[in-house]
Amino acid sequence: MDIARQIDNRILAVFVDTWLEYPQIRSFVGKFDNVVMLKPTMGLKDIIRQYGWCFPGKDVAQTIWYARQGKEWALNKLHGLDRNGKKSEYRQGYTKWLPLYESDILISHYYCVKQNEEPIALYEKQTGRHPILALMAEESARRKEAYLRTGCNSFESERPLSKPMGFWRAQDVLRYTVEKQLEIAEPYGEVVEVGQVPGQIGFFPSCGPFKCTGEQRTGCLFCPVGCHLTSFEKFVRLKAYNPRLYDFCMEELGEKKLLSWIEINYRRGYKQIV
């Protein structure tokens, strides 16, 4: 947004206030002008009850959802087969999620769709506006595939959009933040060079690599995507940061059942937190 508004400061920003972000993120967004605030049309409890959790990522979650509905393409994918039912070396990674497919835990991609994507789609339809997105190809295989297919601009597609940061890396974003001395939201802490001692004075220009002293990524506080790869660290931090929110997530929303299942079935030295 900083780059876009150097070109035209009238460009609108759109923020979906799901109330599932860190409160400081919402406060930070409120500091900017020309921000449109949207709300999900469906409550979180209803989403969880009807569609379940998005885990381990949107691609696998969507595949499990449709496989449970008997869709052949999804069943083939989960069994490591291509569209024609033949073994595919590129799909063998999906087979490790067969136990999740066979479990009684409700899994789908709709957690993200209902919370974020549908409010945005409705706004686009009502206003006729098209988005400039800060998506980066390195963030997921799905985004990389989409970027390689369309490049930065996809003006002729069913949903016209621009992804000018598609070729950026996370390190590029952090470097830009340092060089432009941009303010960032409190949960991220400060952007520092890896290995830098807190409070250390540097005499030479920072050259990276960089990291945030707080959260490296934010978003939905309760989102379980990728938590099996990080020893449930985000939930450890959530428990310390806001025990009431943590209890709401685990007990009222029922995420404890999912995390317990993950720990049993995909244990890699995880910390016991549930």
C-alpha atoms as a PDB file:
ATOM      1  CA  MET A   1       0.000   0.000   0.000  1.00  0.00           C
ATOM      2  CA  ASP A   2       2.911   2.348   0.685  1.00  0.00           C
ATOM      3  CA  ILE A   3       4.090   2.064  -2.923  1.00  0.00           C
ATOM      4  CA  ALA A   4       0.582   2.322  -4.386  1.00  0.00           C
ATOM      5  CA  ARG A   5      -0.199   5.480  -2.445  1.00  0.00           C
ATOM      6  CA  GLN A   6       3.020   7.123  -3.563  1.00  0.00           C
ATOM      7  CA  ILE A   7       1.463   6.940  -7.025  1.00  0.00           C
ATOM      8  CA  ASP A   8      -2.053   7.954  -5.964  1.00  0.00           C
ATOM      9  CA  ASN A   9      -2.955   8.502  -2.314  1.00  0.00           C
ATOM     10  CA  ARG A  10      -6.640   8.211  -3.149  1.00  0.00           C
ATOM     11  CA  ILE A  11      -6.351   4.469  -3.729  1.00  0.00           C
ATOM     12  CA  LEU A  12      -8.674   2.724  -1.295  1.00  0.00           C
ATOM     13  CA  ALA A  13      -7.520   0.025   1.090  1.00  0.00           C
ATOM     14  CA  VAL A  14      -9.949  -2.716   2.103  1.00  0.00           C
ATOM     15  CA  PHE A  15      -9.743  -4.499   5.465  1.00  0.00           C
ATOM     16  CA  VAL A  16     -11.980  -7.382   6.531  1.00  0.00           C
ATOM     17  CA  ASP A  17     -12.533  -6.998  10.267  1.00  0.00           C
ATOM     18  CA  THR A  18     -13.181 -10.555  11.401  1.00  0.00           C
ATOM     19  CA  TRP A  19     -12.325  -9.582  15.043  1.00  0.00           C
ATOM     20  CA  LEU A  20     -10.021 -12.614  14.961  1.00  0.00           C
ATOM     21  CA  GLU A  21      -6.873 -10.537  14.487  1.00  0.00           C
ATOM     22  CA  TYR A  22      -4.721  -9.101  17.239  1.00  0.00           C
ATOM     23  CA  PRO A  23      -6.529  -6.006  18.559  1.00  0.00           C
ATOM     24  CA  GLN A  24      -3.393  -3.971  17.804  1.00  0.00           C
ATOM     25  CA  ILE A  25      -3.712  -4.891  14.118  1.00  0.00           C
ATOM     26  CA  ARG A  26      -7.191  -3.417  13.973  1.00  0.00           C
ATOM     27  CA  SER A  27      -5.996  -0.290  15.799  1.00  0.00           C
ATOM     28  CA  PHE A  28      -3.078   0.042  13.382  1.00  0.00           C
ATOM     29  CA  VAL A  29      -5.389  -0.158  10.363  1.00  0.00           C
ATOM     30  CA  GLY A  30      -7.473   2.630  11.914  1.00  0.00           C
ATOM     31  CA  LYS A  31      -4.517   5.025  11.607  1.00  0.00           C
ATOM     32  CA  PHE A  32      -4.802   5.145   7.821  1.00  0.00           C
ATOM     33  CA  ASP A  33      -7.126   7.202   5.652  1.00  0.00           C
ATOM     34  CA  ASN A  34      -9.292   5.827   2.856  1.00  0.00           C
ATOM     35  CA  VAL A  35      -9.795   2.398   4.416  1.00  0.00           C
ATOM     36  CA  VAL A  36     -13.013   0.471   3.790  1.00  0.00           C
ATOM     37  CA  MET A  37     -13.888  -1.851   6.685  1.00  0.00           C
ATOM     38  CA  LEU A  38     -15.839  -4.998   5.810  1.00  0.00           C
ATOM     39  CA  LYS A  39     -17.435  -7.639   8.038  1.00  0.00           C
ATOM     40  CA  PRO A  40     -18.018 -11.360   7.428  1.00  0.00           C
ATOM     41  CA  THR A  41     -21.646 -12.216   6.713  1.00  0.00           C
ATOM     42  CA  MET A  42     -21.473 -15.416   8.775  1.00  0.00           C
ATOM     43  CA  GLY A  43     -20.455 -15.778  12.421  1.00  0.00           C
ATOM     44  CA  LEU A  44     -17.369 -17.788  13.369  1.00  0.00           C
ATOM     45  CA  LYS A  45     -19.240 -20.361  15.464  1.00  0.00           C
ATOM     46  CA  ASP A  46     -21.629 -21.010  12.595  1.00  0.00           C
ATOM     47  CA  ILE A  47     -18.725 -21.392  10.168  1.00  0.00           C
ATOM     48  CA  ILE A  48     -16.969 -23.909  12.428  1.00  0.00           C
ATOM     49  CA  ARG A  49     -20.201 -25.811  13.075  1.00  0.00           C
ATOM     50  CA  GLN A  50     -21.113 -26.029   9.394  1.00  0.00           C
ATOM     51  CA  TYR A  51     -17.736 -26.219   7.647  1.00  0.00           C
ATOM     52  CA  GLY A  52     -15.101 -27.034  10.276  1.00  0.00           C
ATOM     53  CA  TRP A  53     -11.440 -26.002  10.334  1.00  0.00           C
ATOM     54  CA  CYS A  54      -9.000 -25.242   7.525  1.00  0.00           C
ATOM     55  CA  PHE A  55      -6.036 -27.589   8.070  1.00  0.00           C
ATOM     56  CA  PRO A  56      -3.248 -28.274   7.114  1.00  0.00           C
ATOM     57  CA  GLY A  57      -3.699 -25.734   4.284  1.00  0.00           C
ATOM     58  CA  LYS A  58      -6.418 -24.583   1.906  1.00  0.00           C
ATOM     59  CA  ASP A  59      -5.509 -27.008  -0.874  1.00  0.00           C
ATOM     60  CA  VAL A  60      -5.594 -30.158   1.280  1.00  0.00           C
ATOM     61  CA  ALA A  61      -8.606 -28.919   3.268  1.00  0.00           C
ATOM     62  CA  GLN A  62     -10.561 -28.340   0.057  1.00  0.00           C
ATOM     63  CA  THR A  63      -9.541 -31.762  -1.237  1.00  0.00           C
ATOM     64  CA  ILE A  64     -10.700 -33.480   1.970  1.00  0.00           C
ATOM     65  CA  TRP A  65     -14.020 -31.593   1.886  1.00  0.00           C
ATOM     66  CA  TYR A  66     -14.837 -32.762  -1.629  1.00  0.00           C
ATOM     67  CA  ALA A  67     -13.421 -36.265  -1.110  1.00  0.00           C
ATOM     68  CA  ARG A  68     -15.917 -36.736   1.716  1.00  0.00           C
ATOM     69  CA  GLN A  69     -18.622 -35.792  -0.761  1.00  0.00           C
ATOM     70  CA  GLY A  70     -17.434 -38.557  -3.057  1.00  0.00           C
ATOM     71  CA  LYS A  71     -15.827 -36.359  -5.724  1.00  0.00           C
ATOM     72  CA  GLU A  72     -13.574 -38.608  -7.807  1.00  0.00           C
ATOM     73  CA  TRP A  73     -10.914 -35.966  -8.499  1.00  0.00           C
ATOM     74  CA  ALA A  74     -10.510 -35.315  -4.766  1.00  0.00           C
ATOM     75  CA  LEU A  75     -10.381 -39.005  -3.840  1.00  0.00           C
ATOM     76  CA  ASN A  76      -7.754 -39.594  -6.516  1.00  0.00           C
ATOM     77  CA  LYS A  77      -5.712 -36.686  -5.231  1.00  0.00           C
ATOM     78  CA  LEU A  78      -5.735 -37.962  -1.628  1.00  0.00           C
ATOM     79  CA  HIS A  79      -4.640 -41.396  -2.817  1.00  0.00           C
ATOM     80  CA  GLY A  80      -1.747 -39.978  -4.827  1.00  0.00           C
ATOM     81  CA  LEU A  81      -3.410 -40.550  -8.191  1.00  0.00           C
ATOM     82  CA  ASP A  82      -3.811 -38.245 -11.176  1.00  0.00           C
ATOM     83  CA  ARG A  83      -7.119 -37.366 -12.831  1.00  0.00           C
ATOM     84  CA  ASN A  84      -7.082 -40.640 -14.737  1.00  0.00           C
ATOM     85  CA  GLY A  85      -6.596 -42.731 -11.616  1.00  0.00           C
ATOM     86  CA  LYS A  86      -2.927 -43.475 -12.281  1.00  0.00           C
ATOM     87  CA  LYS A  87      -0.196 -43.096  -9.677  1.00  0.00           C
ATOM     88  CA  SER A  88       1.310 -39.602  -9.732  1.00  0.00           C
ATOM     89  CA  GLU A  89       4.700 -38.860  -8.202  1.00  0.00           C
ATOM     90  CA  TYR A  90       3.582 -35.254  -7.737  1.00  0.00           C
ATOM     91  CA  ARG A  91       0.617 -36.205  -5.537  1.00  0.00           C
ATOM     92  CA  GLN A  92       2.194 -38.645  -3.107  1.00  0.00           C
ATOM     93  CA  GLY A  93       2.383 -35.932  -0.451  1.00  0.00           C
ATOM     94  CA  TYR A  94      -1.402 -35.913  -0.202  1.00  0.00           C
ATOM     95  CA  THR A  95      -1.542 -39.534   0.979  1.00  0.00           C
ATOM     96  CA  LYS A  96      -0.252 -38.668   4.448  1.00  0.00           C
ATOM     97  CA  TRP A  97      -3.518 -36.799   5.034  1.00  0.00           C
ATOM     98  CA  LEU A  98      -5.705 -39.866   4.492  1.00  0.00           C
ATOM     99  CA  PRO A  99      -6.024 -40.408   8.281  1.00  0.00           C
ATOM    100  CA  LEU A 100      -7.424 -36.867   8.586  1.00  0.00           C
ATOM    101  CA  TYR A 101      -9.881 -37.599   5.772  1.00  0.00           C
ATOM    102  CA  GLU A 102     -10.962 -40.767   7.610  1.00  0.00           C
ATOM    103  CA  SER A 103     -11.325 -38.988  10.966  1.00  0.00           C
ATOM    104  CA  ASP A 104     -14.515 -37.463  12.378  1.00  0.00           C
ATOM    105  CA  ILE A 105     -13.050 -33.932  12.374  1.00  0.00           C
ATOM    106  CA  LEU A 106     -14.826 -31.520  10.047  1.00  0.00           C
ATOM    107  CA  ILE A 107     -12.277 -30.048   7.614  1.00  0.00           C
ATOM    108  CA  SER A 108     -12.758 -27.622   4.734  1.00  0.00           C
ATOM    109  CA  HIS A 109     -11.387 -24.527   3.035  1.00  0.00           C
ATOM    110  CA  TYR A 110     -14.551 -22.573   3.830  1.00  0.00           C
ATOM    111  CA  TYR A 111     -13.155 -21.228   7.113  1.00  0.00           C
ATOM    112  CA  CYS A 112     -11.096 -18.792   5.027  1.00  0.00           C
ATOM    113  CA  VAL A 113     -13.682 -18.373   2.284  1.00  0.00           C
ATOM    114  CA  LYS A 114     -16.477 -17.294   4.619  1.00  0.00           C
ATOM    115  CA  GLN A 115     -14.283 -15.105   6.818  1.00  0.00           C
ATOM    116  CA  ASN A 116     -12.335 -13.217   4.166  1.00  0.00           C
ATOM    117  CA  GLU A 117     -12.994 -14.110   0.551  1.00  0.00           C
ATOM    118  CA  GLU A 118     -16.782 -13.784   0.410  1.00  0.00           C
ATOM    119  CA  PRO A 119     -16.922 -10.285   1.982  1.00  0.00           C
ATOM    120  CA  ILE A 120     -14.294  -9.134  -0.534  1.00  0.00           C
ATOM    121  CA  ALA A 121     -16.124 -10.751  -3.457  1.00  0.00           C
ATOM    122  CA  LEU A 122     -19.386  -9.093  -2.404  1.00  0.00           C
ATOM    123  CA  TYR A 123     -17.649  -5.701  -2.148  1.00  0.00           C
ATOM    124  CA  GLU A 124     -16.161  -6.110  -5.626  1.00  0.00           C
ATOM    125  CA  LYS A 125     -19.557  -7.033  -7.057  1.00  0.00           C
ATOM    126  CA  GLN A 126     -21.330  -4.104  -5.394  1.00  0.00           C
ATOM    127  CA  THR A 127     -18.725  -1.486  -6.316  1.00  0.00           C
ATOM    128  CA  GLY A 128     -17.306  -2.774  -9.604  1.00  0.00           C
ATOM    129  CA  ARG A 129     -13.809  -2.283  -8.195  1.00  0.00           C
ATOM    130  CA  HIS A 130     -10.957  -4.734  -8.760  1.00  0.00           C
ATOM    131  CA  PRO A 131      -8.185  -5.532  -6.272  1.00  0.00           C
ATOM    132  CA  ILE A 132      -4.460  -4.908  -6.095  1.00  0.00           C
ATOM    133  CA  LEU A 133      -3.249  -7.774  -3.901  1.00  0.00           C
ATOM    134  CA  ALA A 134       0.002  -8.145  -1.961  1.00  0.00           C
ATOM    135  CA  LEU A 135       0.208 -11.887  -2.637  1.00  0.00           C
ATOM    136  CA  MET A 136       3.676 -13.373  -3.081  1.00  0.00           C
ATOM    137  CA  ALA A 137       4.443 -16.523  -5.062  1.00  0.00           C
ATOM    138  CA  GLU A 138       6.792 -17.832  -2.379  1.00  0.00           C
ATOM    139  CA  GLU A 139       4.000 -17.988   0.216  1.00  0.00           C
ATOM    140  CA  SER A 140       2.552 -21.281  -1.040  1.00  0.00           C
ATOM    141  CA  ALA A 141       2.668 -23.744  -3.917  1.00  0.00           C
ATOM    142  CA  ARG A 142      -0.830 -22.659  -4.858  1.00  0.00           C
ATOM    143  CA  ARG A 143       0.152 -18.987  -5.146  1.00  0.00           C
ATOM    144  CA  LYS A 144       3.318 -19.856  -7.040  1.00  0.00           C
ATOM    145  CA  GLU A 145       1.306 -21.869  -9.556  1.00  0.00           C
ATOM    146  CA  ALA A 146      -1.185 -19.018  -9.994  1.00  0.00           C
ATOM    147  CA  TYR A 147       1.602 -16.471 -10.457  1.00  0.00           C
ATOM    148  CA  LEU A 148       3.410 -18.601 -13.034  1.00  0.00           C
ATOM    149  CA  ARG A 149       0.142 -18.984 -14.910  1.00  0.00           C
ATOM    150  CA  THR A 150      -0.912 -15.311 -15.017  1.00  0.00           C
ATOM    151  CA  GLY A 151       2.042 -13.168 -13.966  1.00  0.00           C
ATOM    152  CA  CYS A 152       1.488  -9.947 -12.031  1.00  0.00           C
ATOM    153  CA  ASN A 153      -1.636  -8.872 -13.898  1.00  0.00           C
ATOM    154  CA  SER A 154      -4.685 -10.927 -14.742  1.00  0.00           C
ATOM    155  CA  PHE A 155      -6.990  -8.362 -16.327  1.00  0.00           C
ATOM    156  CA  GLU A 156      -8.792 -10.730 -18.702  1.00  0.00           C
ATOM    157  CA  SER A 157      -9.704 -13.360 -16.110  1.00  0.00           C
ATOM    158  CA  GLU A 158     -13.128 -13.902 -14.576  1.00  0.00           C
ATOM    159  CA  ARG A 159     -11.904 -11.883 -11.593  1.00  0.00           C
ATOM    160  CA  PRO A 160      -9.590  -9.136 -12.900  1.00  0.00           C
ATOM    161  CA  LEU A 161      -6.807  -8.341 -10.439  1.00  0.00           C
ATOM    162  CA  SER A 162      -3.206  -7.264 -10.042  1.00  0.00           C
ATOM    163  CA  LYS A 163      -0.505  -8.941  -7.934  1.00  0.00           C
ATOM    164  CA  PRO A 164       2.465  -6.563  -8.296  1.00  0.00           C
ATOM    165  CA  MET A 165       4.318  -8.186  -5.381  1.00  0.00           C
ATOM    166  CA  GLY A 166       4.106 -11.662  -6.861  1.00  0.00           C
ATOM    167  CA  PHE A 167       7.876 -11.908  -7.359  1.00  0.00           C
ATOM    168  CA  TRP A 168       8.768 -10.370  -3.989  1.00  0.00           C
ATOM    169  CA  ARG A 169      10.080 -12.468  -1.117  1.00  0.00           C
ATOM    170  CA  ALA A 170       9.386 -12.000   2.577  1.00  0.00           C
ATOM    171  CA  GLN A 171      12.948 -10.696   2.941  1.00  0.00           C
ATOM    172  CA  ASP A 172      12.234  -8.034   0.320  1.00  0.00           C
ATOM    173  CA  VAL A 173       9.279  -6.820   2.362  1.00  0.00           C
ATOM    174  CA  LEU A 174      11.346  -6.628   5.549  1.00  0.00           C
ATOM    175  CA  ARG A 175      14.189  -4.855   3.753  1.00  0.00           C
ATOM    176  CA  TYR A 176      11.757  -2.317   2.275  1.00  0.00           C
ATOM    177  CA  THR A 177      10.317  -1.732   5.754  1.00  0.00           C
ATOM    178  CA  VAL A 178      13.790  -1.015   7.146  1.00  0.00           C
ATOM    179  CA  GLU A 179      14.940   1.180   4.268  1.00  0.00           C
ATOM    180  CA  LYS A 180      11.743   3.258   4.240  1.00  0.00           C
ATOM    181  CA  GLN A 181      11.557   3.298   8.054  1.00  0.00           C
ATOM    182  CA  LEU A 182       7.909   2.293   7.942  1.00  0.00           C
ATOM    183  CA  GLU A 183       5.839   1.909  11.070  1.00  0.00           C
ATOM    184  CA  ILE A 184       4.543  -1.621  11.555  1.00  0.00           C
ATOM    185  CA  ALA A 185       1.844  -2.999  13.846  1.00  0.00           C
ATOM    186  CA  GLU A 186       2.819  -3.779  17.442  1.00  0.00           C
ATOM    187  CA  PRO A 187       2.491  -7.604  17.292  1.00  0.00           C
ATOM    188  CA  TYR A 188       5.403  -7.741  14.822  1.00  0.00           C
ATOM    189  CA  GLY A 189       7.764  -5.942  17.183  1.00  0.00           C
ATOM    190  CA  GLU A 190      10.703  -4.424  15.274  1.00  0.00           C
ATOM    191  CA  VAL A 191      12.447  -5.480  12.078  1.00  0.00           C
ATOM    192  CA  VAL A 192      16.059  -6.360  12.896  1.00  0.00           C
ATOM    193  CA  GLU A 193      18.936  -8.195  11.265  1.00  0.00           C
ATOM    194  CA  VAL A 194      19.199 -11.842  12.230  1.00  0.00           C
ATOM    195  CA  GLY A 195      21.814 -12.112  14.967  1.00  0.00           C
ATOM    196  CA  GLN A 196      21.527  -8.466  15.992  1.00  0.00           C
ATOM    197  CA  VAL A 197      21.756  -7.933  19.749  1.00  0.00           C
ATOM    198  CA  PRO A 198      18.753  -5.993  21.144  1.00  0.00           C
ATOM    199  CA  GLY A 199      19.690  -2.327  21.544  1.00  0.00           C
ATOM    200  CA  GLN A 200      22.846  -2.745  19.484  1.00  0.00           C
ATOM    201  CA  ILE A 201      23.888   0.336  17.479  1.00  0.00           C
ATOM    202  CA  GLY A 202      24.877  -0.404  13.888  1.00  0.00           C
ATOM    203  CA  PHE A 203      27.494   1.677  12.045  1.00  0.00           C
ATOM    204  CA  PHE A 204      26.901   0.161   8.620  1.00  0.00           C
ATOM    205  CA  PRO A 205      23.761  -0.095   6.468  1.00  0.00           C
ATOM    206  CA  SER A 206      21.638  -3.117   7.300  1.00  0.00           C
ATOM    207  CA  CYS A 207      22.059  -5.854   4.711  1.00  0.00           C
ATOM    208  CA  GLY A 208      19.973  -8.671   6.181  1.00  0.00           C
ATOM    209  CA  PRO A 209      18.688 -11.252   6.451  1.00  0.00           C
ATOM    210  CA  PHE A 210      15.944  -9.702   8.571  1.00  0.00           C
ATOM    211  CA  LYS A 211      13.321 -10.890  11.002  1.00  0.00           C
ATOM    212  CA  CYS A 212      10.626  -9.421  13.221  1.00  0.00           C
ATOM    213  CA  THR A 213      11.254  -9.512  16.953  1.00  0.00           C
ATOM    214  CA  GLY A 214       7.589 -10.411  17.525  1.00  0.00           C
ATOM    215  CA  GLU A 215       5.208 -12.304  15.257  1.00  0.00           C
ATOM    216  CA  GLN A 216       6.598 -13.167  11.833  1.00  0.00           C
ATOM    217  CA  ARG A 217       3.101 -13.412  10.373  1.00  0.00           C
ATOM    218  CA  THR A 218      -0.293 -12.421  11.738  1.00  0.00           C
ATOM    219  CA  GLY A 219      -3.837 -13.109  10.659  1.00  0.00           C
ATOM    220  CA  CYS A 220      -6.526 -15.155  12.338  1.00  0.00           C
ATOM    221  CA  LEU A 221      -5.488 -15.871  15.924  1.00  0.00           C
ATOM    222  CA  PHE A 222      -7.175 -19.272  15.835  1.00  0.00           C
ATOM    223  CA  CYS A 223      -6.090 -20.395  12.355  1.00  0.00           C
ATOM    224  CA  PRO A 224      -4.472 -23.871  12.537  1.00  0.00           C
ATOM    225  CA  VAL A 225      -2.916 -23.759   9.047  1.00  0.00           C
ATOM    226  CA  GLY A 226       0.660 -25.014   9.256  1.00  0.00           C
ATOM    227  CA  CYS A 227       0.652 -25.349  13.051  1.00  0.00           C
ATOM    228  CA  HIS A 228       1.966 -28.931  12.745  1.00  0.00           C
ATOM    229  CA  LEU A 229       5.197 -27.491  11.323  1.00  0.00           C
ATOM    230  CA  THR A 230       5.876 -25.050  14.163  1.00  0.00           C
ATOM    231  CA  SER A 231       5.238 -27.113  17.313  1.00  0.00           C
ATOM    232  CA  PHE A 232       1.937 -25.271  17.905  1.00  0.00           C
ATOM    233  CA  GLU A 233       3.984 -22.185  18.799  1.00  0.00           C
ATOM    234  CA  LYS A 234       1.256 -19.700  17.812  1.00  0.00           C
ATOM    235  CA  PHE A 235      -1.120 -21.302  20.304  1.00  0.00           C
ATOM    236  CA  VAL A 236       1.549 -21.296  23.006  1.00  0.00           C
ATOM    237  CA  ARG A 237       1.906 -17.547  22.411  1.00  0.00           C
ATOM    238  CA  LEU A 238      -1.868 -17.073  22.309  1.00  0.00           C
ATOM    239  CA  LYS A 239      -2.236 -18.804  25.678  1.00  0.00           C
ATOM    240  CA  ALA A 240       0.346 -16.453  27.198  1.00  0.00           C
ATOM    241  CA  TYR A 241      -0.994 -13.374  25.397  1.00  0.00           C
ATOM    242  CA  ASN A 242      -4.700 -13.832  26.147  1.00  0.00           C
ATOM    243  CA  PRO A 243      -5.752 -16.895  28.200  1.00  0.00           C
ATOM    244  CA  ARG A 244      -9.454 -16.061  27.800  1.00  0.00           C
ATOM    245  CA  LEU A 245      -9.220 -16.011  24.000  1.00  0.00           C
ATOM    246  CA  TYR A 246      -7.231 -19.235  24.144  1.00  0.00           C
ATOM    247  CA  ASP A 247      -9.898 -20.943  26.261  1.00  0.00           C
ATOM    248  CA  PHE A 248     -12.642 -19.662  23.951  1.00  0.00           C
ATOM    249  CA  CYS A 249     -10.786 -21.097  20.979  1.00  0.00           C
ATOM    250  CA  MET A 250     -10.083 -24.474  22.547  1.00  0.00           C
ATOM    251  CA  GLU A 251     -13.309 -25.091  24.433  1.00  0.00           C
ATOM    252  CA  GLU A 252     -16.151 -23.089  22.863  1.00  0.00           C
ATOM    253  CA  LEU A 253     -14.950 -23.425  19.277  1.00  0.00           C
ATOM    254  CA  GLY A 254     -13.678 -26.958  19.851  1.00  0.00           C
ATOM    255  CA  GLU A 255     -10.215 -26.499  18.377  1.00  0.00           C
ATOM    256  CA  LYS A 256      -8.741 -28.560  21.204  1.00  0.00           C
ATOM    257  CA  LYS A 257     -10.070 -31.700  19.522  1.00  0.00           C
ATOM    258  CA  LEU A 258      -8.299 -30.864  16.260  1.00  0.00           C
ATOM    259  CA  LEU A 259      -4.966 -29.985  17.888  1.00  0.00           C
ATOM    260  CA  SER A 260      -5.053 -33.106  20.065  1.00  0.00           C
ATOM    261  CA  TRP A 261      -5.654 -35.218  16.979  1.00  0.00           C
ATOM    262  CA  ILE A 262      -2.766 -33.527  15.163  1.00  0.00           C
ATOM    263  CA  GLU A 263      -0.431 -34.100  18.086  1.00  0.00           C
ATOM    264  CA  ILE A 264      -1.266 -37.800  18.204  1.00  0.00           C
ATOM    265  CA  ASN A 265      -1.155 -38.423  14.463  1.00  0.00           C
ATOM    266  CA  TYR A 266       1.586 -36.065  13.297  1.00  0.00           C
ATOM    267  CA  ARG A 267       3.806 -35.800  16.348  1.00  0.00           C
ATOM    268  CA  ARG A 268       7.259 -34.341  15.741  1.00  0.00           C
ATOM    269  CA  GLY A 269       8.313 -33.404  19.224  1.00  0.00           C
ATOM    270  CA  TYR A 270       5.436 -30.969  19.677  1.00  0.00           C
ATOM    271  CA  LYS A 271       4.933 -29.113  22.924  1.00  0.00           C
ATOM    272  CA  GLN A 272       1.910 -30.299  24.903  1.00  0.00           C
ATOM    273  CA  ILE A 273      -0.463 -27.347  25.039  1.00  0.00           C
ATOM    274  CA  VAL A 274      -3.968 -28.841  25.010  1.00  0.00           C
END
